Amino acid sequence: MEALNLRGFFAVGVGGVLGCWLRYILSVTFNSLFPHLPPGTLAANWIAAFLIGCLIGIFQRFEALPIELHLFTTTGS
């Protein structure tokens, strides 16, 4: 079993918290406009999918970037 990487652990935690907060803000802001189709949740999912796709491409191109940055950005999205 691999030892716990504390920097990676905190990168995932901070990225996850920021992503949750942004998703919540989008939901509160836009979901009341159309209660049967939550546009805030839909927008959060589309934006996150797009960003993760772009970020994975960036991380494949620039392999020297730290794994903690990868964990932070893709977990929060």
PDB file of N, CA and C in Angstrom:
ATOM      1  N   MET A   1       0.845  -1.187   0.000  1.00  0.00           N
ATOM      2  CA  MET A   1       0.000   0.000   0.000  1.00  0.00           C
ATOM      3  C   MET A   1       0.887   1.247   0.000  1.00  0.00           C
ATOM      4  N   GLU A   2       0.483   2.233  -0.750  1.00  0.00           N
ATOM      5  CA  GLU A   2       1.249   3.464  -0.887  1.00  0.00           C
ATOM      6  C   GLU A   2       1.046   4.362   0.329  1.00  0.00           C
ATOM      7  N   ALA A   3       2.091   5.033   0.761  1.00  0.00           N
ATOM      8  CA  ALA A   3       2.007   5.961   1.887  1.00  0.00           C
ATOM      9  C   ALA A   3       1.162   7.173   1.505  1.00  0.00           C
ATOM     10  N   LEU A   4       0.522   7.743   2.494  1.00  0.00           N
ATOM     11  CA  LEU A   4      -0.335   8.906   2.271  1.00  0.00           C
ATOM     12  C   LEU A   4       0.504  10.124   1.903  1.00  0.00           C
ATOM     13  N   ASN A   5       0.175  10.741   0.795  1.00  0.00           N
ATOM     14  CA  ASN A   5       0.826  11.965   0.344  1.00  0.00           C
ATOM     15  C   ASN A   5       0.016  13.136   0.899  1.00  0.00           C
ATOM     16  N   LEU A   6       0.542  13.788   1.949  1.00  0.00           N
ATOM     17  CA  LEU A   6      -0.220  14.858   2.594  1.00  0.00           C
ATOM     18  C   LEU A   6      -0.471  16.041   1.672  1.00  0.00           C
ATOM     19  N   ARG A   7       0.488  16.374   0.829  1.00  0.00           N
ATOM     20  CA  ARG A   7       0.260  17.478  -0.109  1.00  0.00           C
ATOM     21  C   ARG A   7      -0.871  17.138  -1.070  1.00  0.00           C
ATOM     22  N   GLY A   8      -0.890  15.908  -1.577  1.00  0.00           N
ATOM     23  CA  GLY A   8      -1.976  15.471  -2.435  1.00  0.00           C
ATOM     24  C   GLY A   8      -3.297  15.422  -1.691  1.00  0.00           C
ATOM     25  N   PHE A   9      -3.248  14.977  -0.438  1.00  0.00           N
ATOM     26  CA  PHE A   9      -4.436  14.893   0.409  1.00  0.00           C
ATOM     27  C   PHE A   9      -5.080  16.265   0.564  1.00  0.00           C
ATOM     28  N   PHE A  10      -4.262  17.274   0.872  1.00  0.00           N
ATOM     29  CA  PHE A  10      -4.795  18.627   1.038  1.00  0.00           C
ATOM     30  C   PHE A  10      -5.199  19.253  -0.296  1.00  0.00           C
ATOM     31  N   ALA A  11      -4.512  18.921  -1.367  1.00  0.00           N
ATOM     32  CA  ALA A  11      -4.890  19.431  -2.687  1.00  0.00           C
ATOM     33  C   ALA A  11      -6.278  18.941  -3.075  1.00  0.00           C
ATOM     34  N   VAL A  12      -6.550  17.668  -2.820  1.00  0.00           N
ATOM     35  CA  VAL A  12      -7.874  17.112  -3.106  1.00  0.00           C
ATOM     36  C   VAL A  12      -8.926  17.774  -2.217  1.00  0.00           C
ATOM     37  N   GLY A  13      -8.601  17.954  -0.941  1.00  0.00           N
ATOM     38  CA  GLY A  13      -9.552  18.560  -0.013  1.00  0.00           C
ATOM     39  C   GLY A  13      -9.907  19.991  -0.376  1.00  0.00           C
ATOM     40  N   VAL A  14      -8.904  20.803  -0.647  1.00  0.00           N
ATOM     41  CA  VAL A  14      -9.152  22.212  -0.986  1.00  0.00           C
ATOM     42  C   VAL A  14      -9.861  22.321  -2.332  1.00  0.00           C
ATOM     43  N   GLY A  15      -9.426  21.529  -3.306  1.00  0.00           N
ATOM     44  CA  GLY A  15     -10.097  21.542  -4.609  1.00  0.00           C
ATOM     45  C   GLY A  15     -11.553  21.113  -4.503  1.00  0.00           C
ATOM     46  N   GLY A  16     -11.801  20.088  -3.700  1.00  0.00           N
ATOM     47  CA  GLY A  16     -13.170  19.614  -3.514  1.00  0.00           C
ATOM     48  C   GLY A  16     -14.060  20.639  -2.840  1.00  0.00           C
ATOM     49  N   VAL A  17     -13.534  21.303  -1.822  1.00  0.00           N
ATOM     50  CA  VAL A  17     -14.306  22.331  -1.112  1.00  0.00           C
ATOM     51  C   VAL A  17     -14.645  23.489  -2.048  1.00  0.00           C
ATOM     52  N   LEU A  18     -13.657  23.973  -2.778  1.00  0.00           N
ATOM     53  CA  LEU A  18     -13.913  25.088  -3.695  1.00  0.00           C
ATOM     54  C   LEU A  18     -14.908  24.700  -4.781  1.00  0.00           C
ATOM     55  N   GLY A  19     -14.775  23.486  -5.303  1.00  0.00           N
ATOM     56  CA  GLY A  19     -15.717  23.012  -6.312  1.00  0.00           C
ATOM     57  C   GLY A  19     -17.132  22.905  -5.775  1.00  0.00           C
ATOM     58  N   CYS A  20     -17.264  22.412  -4.554  1.00  0.00           N
ATOM     59  CA  CYS A  20     -18.594  22.306  -3.932  1.00  0.00           C
ATOM     60  C   CYS A  20     -19.218  23.672  -3.724  1.00  0.00           C
ATOM     61  N   TRP A  21     -18.402  24.607  -3.250  1.00  0.00           N
ATOM     62  CA  TRP A  21     -18.923  25.961  -3.026  1.00  0.00           C
ATOM     63  C   TRP A  21     -19.366  26.614  -4.329  1.00  0.00           C
ATOM     64  N   LEU A  22     -18.580  26.453  -5.396  1.00  0.00           N
ATOM     65  CA  LEU A  22     -18.969  27.034  -6.683  1.00  0.00           C
ATOM     66  C   LEU A  22     -20.235  26.387  -7.231  1.00  0.00           C
ATOM     67  N   ARG A  23     -20.348  25.073  -7.082  1.00  0.00           N
ATOM     68  CA  ARG A  23     -21.558  24.377  -7.514  1.00  0.00           C
ATOM     69  C   ARG A  23     -22.769  24.877  -6.725  1.00  0.00           C
ATOM     70  N   TYR A  24     -22.593  25.077  -5.433  1.00  0.00           N
ATOM     71  CA  TYR A  24     -23.679  25.575  -4.586  1.00  0.00           C
ATOM     72  C   TYR A  24     -24.100  26.980  -5.018  1.00  0.00           C
ATOM     73  N   ILE A  25     -23.122  27.843  -5.276  1.00  0.00           N
ATOM     74  CA  ILE A  25     -23.426  29.214  -5.701  1.00  0.00           C
ATOM     75  C   ILE A  25     -24.198  29.214  -7.019  1.00  0.00           C
ATOM     76  N   LEU A  26     -23.771  28.400  -7.977  1.00  0.00           N
ATOM     77  CA  LEU A  26     -24.501  28.309  -9.250  1.00  0.00           C
ATOM     78  C   LEU A  26     -25.920  27.783  -9.038  1.00  0.00           C
ATOM     79  N   SER A  27     -26.068  26.799  -8.173  1.00  0.00           N
ATOM     80  CA  SER A  27     -27.396  26.231  -7.912  1.00  0.00           C
ATOM     81  C   SER A  27     -28.322  27.250  -7.269  1.00  0.00           C
ATOM     82  N   VAL A  28     -27.844  27.933  -6.256  1.00  0.00           N
ATOM     83  CA  VAL A  28     -28.674  28.928  -5.570  1.00  0.00           C
ATOM     84  C   VAL A  28     -29.021  30.071  -6.510  1.00  0.00           C
ATOM     85  N   THR A  29     -28.080  30.464  -7.341  1.00  0.00           N
ATOM     86  CA  THR A  29     -28.292  31.594  -8.237  1.00  0.00           C
ATOM     87  C   THR A  29     -29.272  31.282  -9.359  1.00  0.00           C
ATOM     88  N   PHE A  30     -29.161  30.096  -9.971  1.00  0.00           N
ATOM     89  CA  PHE A  30     -29.916  29.831 -11.194  1.00  0.00           C
ATOM     90  C   PHE A  30     -31.039  28.795 -11.078  1.00  0.00           C
ATOM     91  N   ASN A  31     -31.022  27.934 -10.092  1.00  0.00           N
ATOM     92  CA  ASN A  31     -32.033  26.873 -10.039  1.00  0.00           C
ATOM     93  C   ASN A  31     -33.437  27.393  -9.761  1.00  0.00           C
ATOM     94  N   SER A  32     -33.569  28.544  -9.144  1.00  0.00           N
ATOM     95  CA  SER A  32     -34.901  29.086  -8.881  1.00  0.00           C
ATOM     96  C   SER A  32     -35.571  29.604 -10.155  1.00  0.00           C
ATOM     97  N   LEU A  33     -34.791  29.839 -11.206  1.00  0.00           N
ATOM     98  CA  LEU A  33     -35.368  30.329 -12.463  1.00  0.00           C
ATOM     99  C   LEU A  33     -36.246  29.278 -13.130  1.00  0.00           C
ATOM    100  N   PHE A  34     -35.812  28.032 -13.119  1.00  0.00           N
ATOM    101  CA  PHE A  34     -36.553  26.917 -13.709  1.00  0.00           C
ATOM    102  C   PHE A  34     -36.518  25.749 -12.721  1.00  0.00           C
ATOM    103  N   PRO A  35     -37.482  25.667 -11.811  1.00  0.00           N
ATOM    104  CA  PRO A  35     -37.409  24.654 -10.759  1.00  0.00           C
ATOM    105  C   PRO A  35     -37.476  23.203 -11.270  1.00  0.00           C
ATOM    106  N   HIS A  36     -38.067  22.972 -12.437  1.00  0.00           N
ATOM    107  CA  HIS A  36     -38.182  21.606 -12.947  1.00  0.00           C
ATOM    108  C   HIS A  36     -36.943  21.157 -13.718  1.00  0.00           C
ATOM    109  N   LEU A  37     -36.143  22.113 -14.167  1.00  0.00           N
ATOM    110  CA  LEU A  37     -34.881  21.812 -14.853  1.00  0.00           C
ATOM    111  C   LEU A  37     -33.827  22.693 -14.207  1.00  0.00           C
ATOM    112  N   PRO A  38     -33.018  22.146 -13.310  1.00  0.00           N
ATOM    113  CA  PRO A  38     -32.074  22.987 -12.561  1.00  0.00           C
ATOM    114  C   PRO A  38     -30.904  23.479 -13.412  1.00  0.00           C
ATOM    115  N   PRO A  39     -30.982  24.696 -13.966  1.00  0.00           N
ATOM    116  CA  PRO A  39     -29.923  25.188 -14.853  1.00  0.00           C
ATOM    117  C   PRO A  39     -28.589  25.407 -14.140  1.00  0.00           C
ATOM    118  N   GLY A  40     -28.602  25.717 -12.849  1.00  0.00           N
ATOM    119  CA  GLY A  40     -27.348  25.898 -12.134  1.00  0.00           C
ATOM    120  C   GLY A  40     -26.559  24.607 -12.045  1.00  0.00           C
ATOM    121  N   THR A  41     -27.253  23.519 -11.753  1.00  0.00           N
ATOM    122  CA  THR A  41     -26.606  22.209 -11.694  1.00  0.00           C
ATOM    123  C   THR A  41     -26.130  21.785 -13.072  1.00  0.00           C
ATOM    124  N   LEU A  42     -26.948  22.013 -14.065  1.00  0.00           N
ATOM    125  CA  LEU A  42     -26.583  21.674 -15.441  1.00  0.00           C
ATOM    126  C   LEU A  42     -25.364  22.480 -15.893  1.00  0.00           C
ATOM    127  N   ALA A  43     -25.366  23.768 -15.594  1.00  0.00           N
ATOM    128  CA  ALA A  43     -24.219  24.621 -15.958  1.00  0.00           C
ATOM    129  C   ALA A  43     -22.954  24.166 -15.235  1.00  0.00           C
ATOM    130  N   ALA A  44     -23.074  23.827 -13.962  1.00  0.00           N
ATOM    131  CA  ALA A  44     -21.911  23.364 -13.199  1.00  0.00           C
ATOM    132  C   ALA A  44     -21.337  22.092 -13.817  1.00  0.00           C
ATOM    133  N   ASN A  45     -22.200  21.169 -14.210  1.00  0.00           N
ATOM    134  CA  ASN A  45     -21.727  19.915 -14.810  1.00  0.00           C
ATOM    135  C   ASN A  45     -21.073  20.150 -16.170  1.00  0.00           C
ATOM    136  N   TRP A  46     -21.658  21.005 -16.994  1.00  0.00           N
ATOM    137  CA  TRP A  46     -21.076  21.294 -18.312  1.00  0.00           C
ATOM    138  C   TRP A  46     -19.738  22.012 -18.183  1.00  0.00           C
ATOM    139  N   ILE A  47     -19.693  23.002 -17.314  1.00  0.00           N
ATOM    140  CA  ILE A  47     -18.450  23.749 -17.115  1.00  0.00           C
ATOM    141  C   ILE A  47     -17.366  22.828 -16.571  1.00  0.00           C
ATOM    142  N   ALA A  48     -17.715  22.010 -15.590  1.00  0.00           N
ATOM    143  CA  ALA A  48     -16.733  21.093 -14.995  1.00  0.00           C
ATOM    144  C   ALA A  48     -16.220  20.085 -16.018  1.00  0.00           C
ATOM    145  N   ALA A  49     -17.104  19.535 -16.819  1.00  0.00           N
ATOM    146  CA  ALA A  49     -16.682  18.559 -17.832  1.00  0.00           C
ATOM    147  C   ALA A  49     -15.740  19.208 -18.847  1.00  0.00           C
ATOM    148  N   PHE A  50     -16.061  20.413 -19.269  1.00  0.00           N
ATOM    149  CA  PHE A  50     -15.206  21.126 -20.209  1.00  0.00           C
ATOM    150  C   PHE A  50     -13.843  21.422 -19.597  1.00  0.00           C
ATOM    151  N   LEU A  51     -13.842  21.945 -18.365  1.00  0.00           N
ATOM    152  CA  LEU A  51     -12.584  22.284 -17.701  1.00  0.00           C
ATOM    153  C   LEU A  51     -11.711  21.055 -17.459  1.00  0.00           C
ATOM    154  N   ILE A  52     -12.326  19.963 -17.024  1.00  0.00           N
ATOM    155  CA  ILE A  52     -11.554  18.742 -16.779  1.00  0.00           C
ATOM    156  C   ILE A  52     -10.937  18.246 -18.079  1.00  0.00           C
ATOM    157  N   GLY A  53     -11.677  18.294 -19.157  1.00  0.00           N
ATOM    158  CA  GLY A  53     -11.129  17.889 -20.451  1.00  0.00           C
ATOM    159  C   GLY A  53      -9.938  18.747 -20.853  1.00  0.00           C
ATOM    160  N   CYS A  54     -10.068  20.061 -20.687  1.00  0.00           N
ATOM    161  CA  CYS A  54      -8.950  20.960 -21.009  1.00  0.00           C
ATOM    162  C   CYS A  54      -7.758  20.709 -20.090  1.00  0.00           C
ATOM    163  N   LEU A  55      -8.028  20.538 -18.817  1.00  0.00           N
ATOM    164  CA  LEU A  55      -6.948  20.321 -17.860  1.00  0.00           C
ATOM    165  C   LEU A  55      -6.215  19.006 -18.101  1.00  0.00           C
ATOM    166  N   ILE A  56      -6.928  17.965 -18.440  1.00  0.00           N
ATOM    167  CA  ILE A  56      -6.272  16.683 -18.721  1.00  0.00           C
ATOM    168  C   ILE A  56      -5.355  16.840 -19.927  1.00  0.00           C
ATOM    169  N   GLY A  57      -5.803  17.565 -20.937  1.00  0.00           N
ATOM    170  CA  GLY A  57      -4.946  17.830 -22.090  1.00  0.00           C
ATOM    171  C   GLY A  57      -3.705  18.615 -21.707  1.00  0.00           C
ATOM    172  N   ILE A  58      -3.868  19.603 -20.855  1.00  0.00           N
ATOM    173  CA  ILE A  58      -2.726  20.398 -20.398  1.00  0.00           C
ATOM    174  C   ILE A  58      -1.749  19.533 -19.612  1.00  0.00           C
ATOM    175  N   PHE A  59      -2.274  18.706 -18.719  1.00  0.00           N
ATOM    176  CA  PHE A  59      -1.396  17.871 -17.900  1.00  0.00           C
ATOM    177  C   PHE A  59      -0.705  16.782 -18.715  1.00  0.00           C
ATOM    178  N   GLN A  60      -1.325  16.328 -19.772  1.00  0.00           N
ATOM    179  CA  GLN A  60      -0.645  15.370 -20.652  1.00  0.00           C
ATOM    180  C   GLN A  60       0.452  16.058 -21.455  1.00  0.00           C
ATOM    181  N   ARG A  61       0.232  17.293 -21.818  1.00  0.00           N
ATOM    182  CA  ARG A  61       1.219  18.041 -22.607  1.00  0.00           C
ATOM    183  C   ARG A  61       2.410  18.472 -21.761  1.00  0.00           C
ATOM    184  N   PHE A  62       2.126  18.914 -20.542  1.00  0.00           N
ATOM    185  CA  PHE A  62       3.164  19.409 -19.637  1.00  0.00           C
ATOM    186  C   PHE A  62       3.294  18.447 -18.457  1.00  0.00           C
ATOM    187  N   GLU A  63       3.981  17.362 -18.682  1.00  0.00           N
ATOM    188  CA  GLU A  63       4.096  16.306 -17.680  1.00  0.00           C
ATOM    189  C   GLU A  63       4.884  16.723 -16.449  1.00  0.00           C
ATOM    190  N   ALA A  64       5.646  17.803 -16.525  1.00  0.00           N
ATOM    191  CA  ALA A  64       6.455  18.251 -15.391  1.00  0.00           C
ATOM    192  C   ALA A  64       5.629  18.969 -14.320  1.00  0.00           C
ATOM    193  N   LEU A  65       4.377  19.296 -14.621  1.00  0.00           N
ATOM    194  CA  LEU A  65       3.536  19.963 -13.626  1.00  0.00           C
ATOM    195  C   LEU A  65       3.316  19.026 -12.443  1.00  0.00           C
ATOM    196  N   PRO A  66       3.271  19.569 -11.248  1.00  0.00           N
ATOM    197  CA  PRO A  66       3.150  18.714 -10.060  1.00  0.00           C
ATOM    198  C   PRO A  66       1.809  17.987  -9.988  1.00  0.00           C
ATOM    199  N   ILE A  67       1.848  16.780  -9.448  1.00  0.00           N
ATOM    200  CA  ILE A  67       0.636  15.969  -9.322  1.00  0.00           C
ATOM    201  C   ILE A  67      -0.380  16.652  -8.411  1.00  0.00           C
ATOM    202  N   GLU A  68       0.088  17.434  -7.444  1.00  0.00           N
ATOM    203  CA  GLU A  68      -0.831  18.134  -6.547  1.00  0.00           C
ATOM    204  C   GLU A  68      -1.688  19.148  -7.302  1.00  0.00           C
ATOM    205  N   LEU A  69      -1.114  19.790  -8.298  1.00  0.00           N
ATOM    206  CA  LEU A  69      -1.889  20.728  -9.118  1.00  0.00           C
ATOM    207  C   LEU A  69      -2.959  19.975  -9.907  1.00  0.00           C
ATOM    208  N   HIS A  70      -2.600  18.823 -10.414  1.00  0.00           N
ATOM    209  CA  HIS A  70      -3.553  17.982 -11.134  1.00  0.00           C
ATOM    210  C   HIS A  70      -4.686  17.554 -10.209  1.00  0.00           C
ATOM    211  N   LEU A  71      -4.352  17.098  -9.015  1.00  0.00           N
ATOM    212  CA  LEU A  71      -5.371  16.673  -8.049  1.00  0.00           C
ATOM    213  C   LEU A  71      -6.269  17.833  -7.635  1.00  0.00           C
ATOM    214  N   PHE A  72      -5.677  18.992  -7.392  1.00  0.00           N
ATOM    215  CA  PHE A  72      -6.438  20.170  -6.976  1.00  0.00           C
ATOM    216  C   PHE A  72      -7.430  20.606  -8.044  1.00  0.00           C
ATOM    217  N   THR A  73      -6.972  20.705  -9.283  1.00  0.00           N
ATOM    218  CA  THR A  73      -7.826  21.258 -10.334  1.00  0.00           C
ATOM    219  C   THR A  73      -8.886  20.278 -10.814  1.00  0.00           C
ATOM    220  N   THR A  74      -8.562  19.012 -10.953  1.00  0.00           N
ATOM    221  CA  THR A  74      -9.558  18.071 -11.468  1.00  0.00           C
ATOM    222  C   THR A  74     -10.533  17.609 -10.412  1.00  0.00           C
ATOM    223  N   THR A  75     -10.138  17.632  -9.148  1.00  0.00           N
ATOM    224  CA  THR A  75     -11.078  17.257  -8.079  1.00  0.00           C
ATOM    225  C   THR A  75     -12.095  18.369  -7.876  1.00  0.00           C
ATOM    226  N   GLY A  76     -11.685  19.620  -7.941  1.00  0.00           N
ATOM    227  CA  GLY A  76     -12.594  20.743  -7.724  1.00  0.00           C
ATOM    228  C   GLY A  76     -13.582  20.964  -8.834  1.00  0.00           C
ATOM    229  N   SER A  77     -13.319  20.502  -9.989  1.00  0.00           N
ATOM    230  CA  SER A  77     -14.183  20.729 -11.145  1.00  0.00           C
ATOM    231  C   SER A  77     -15.400  19.872 -11.147  1.00  0.00           C
TER     232      SER A  77
END
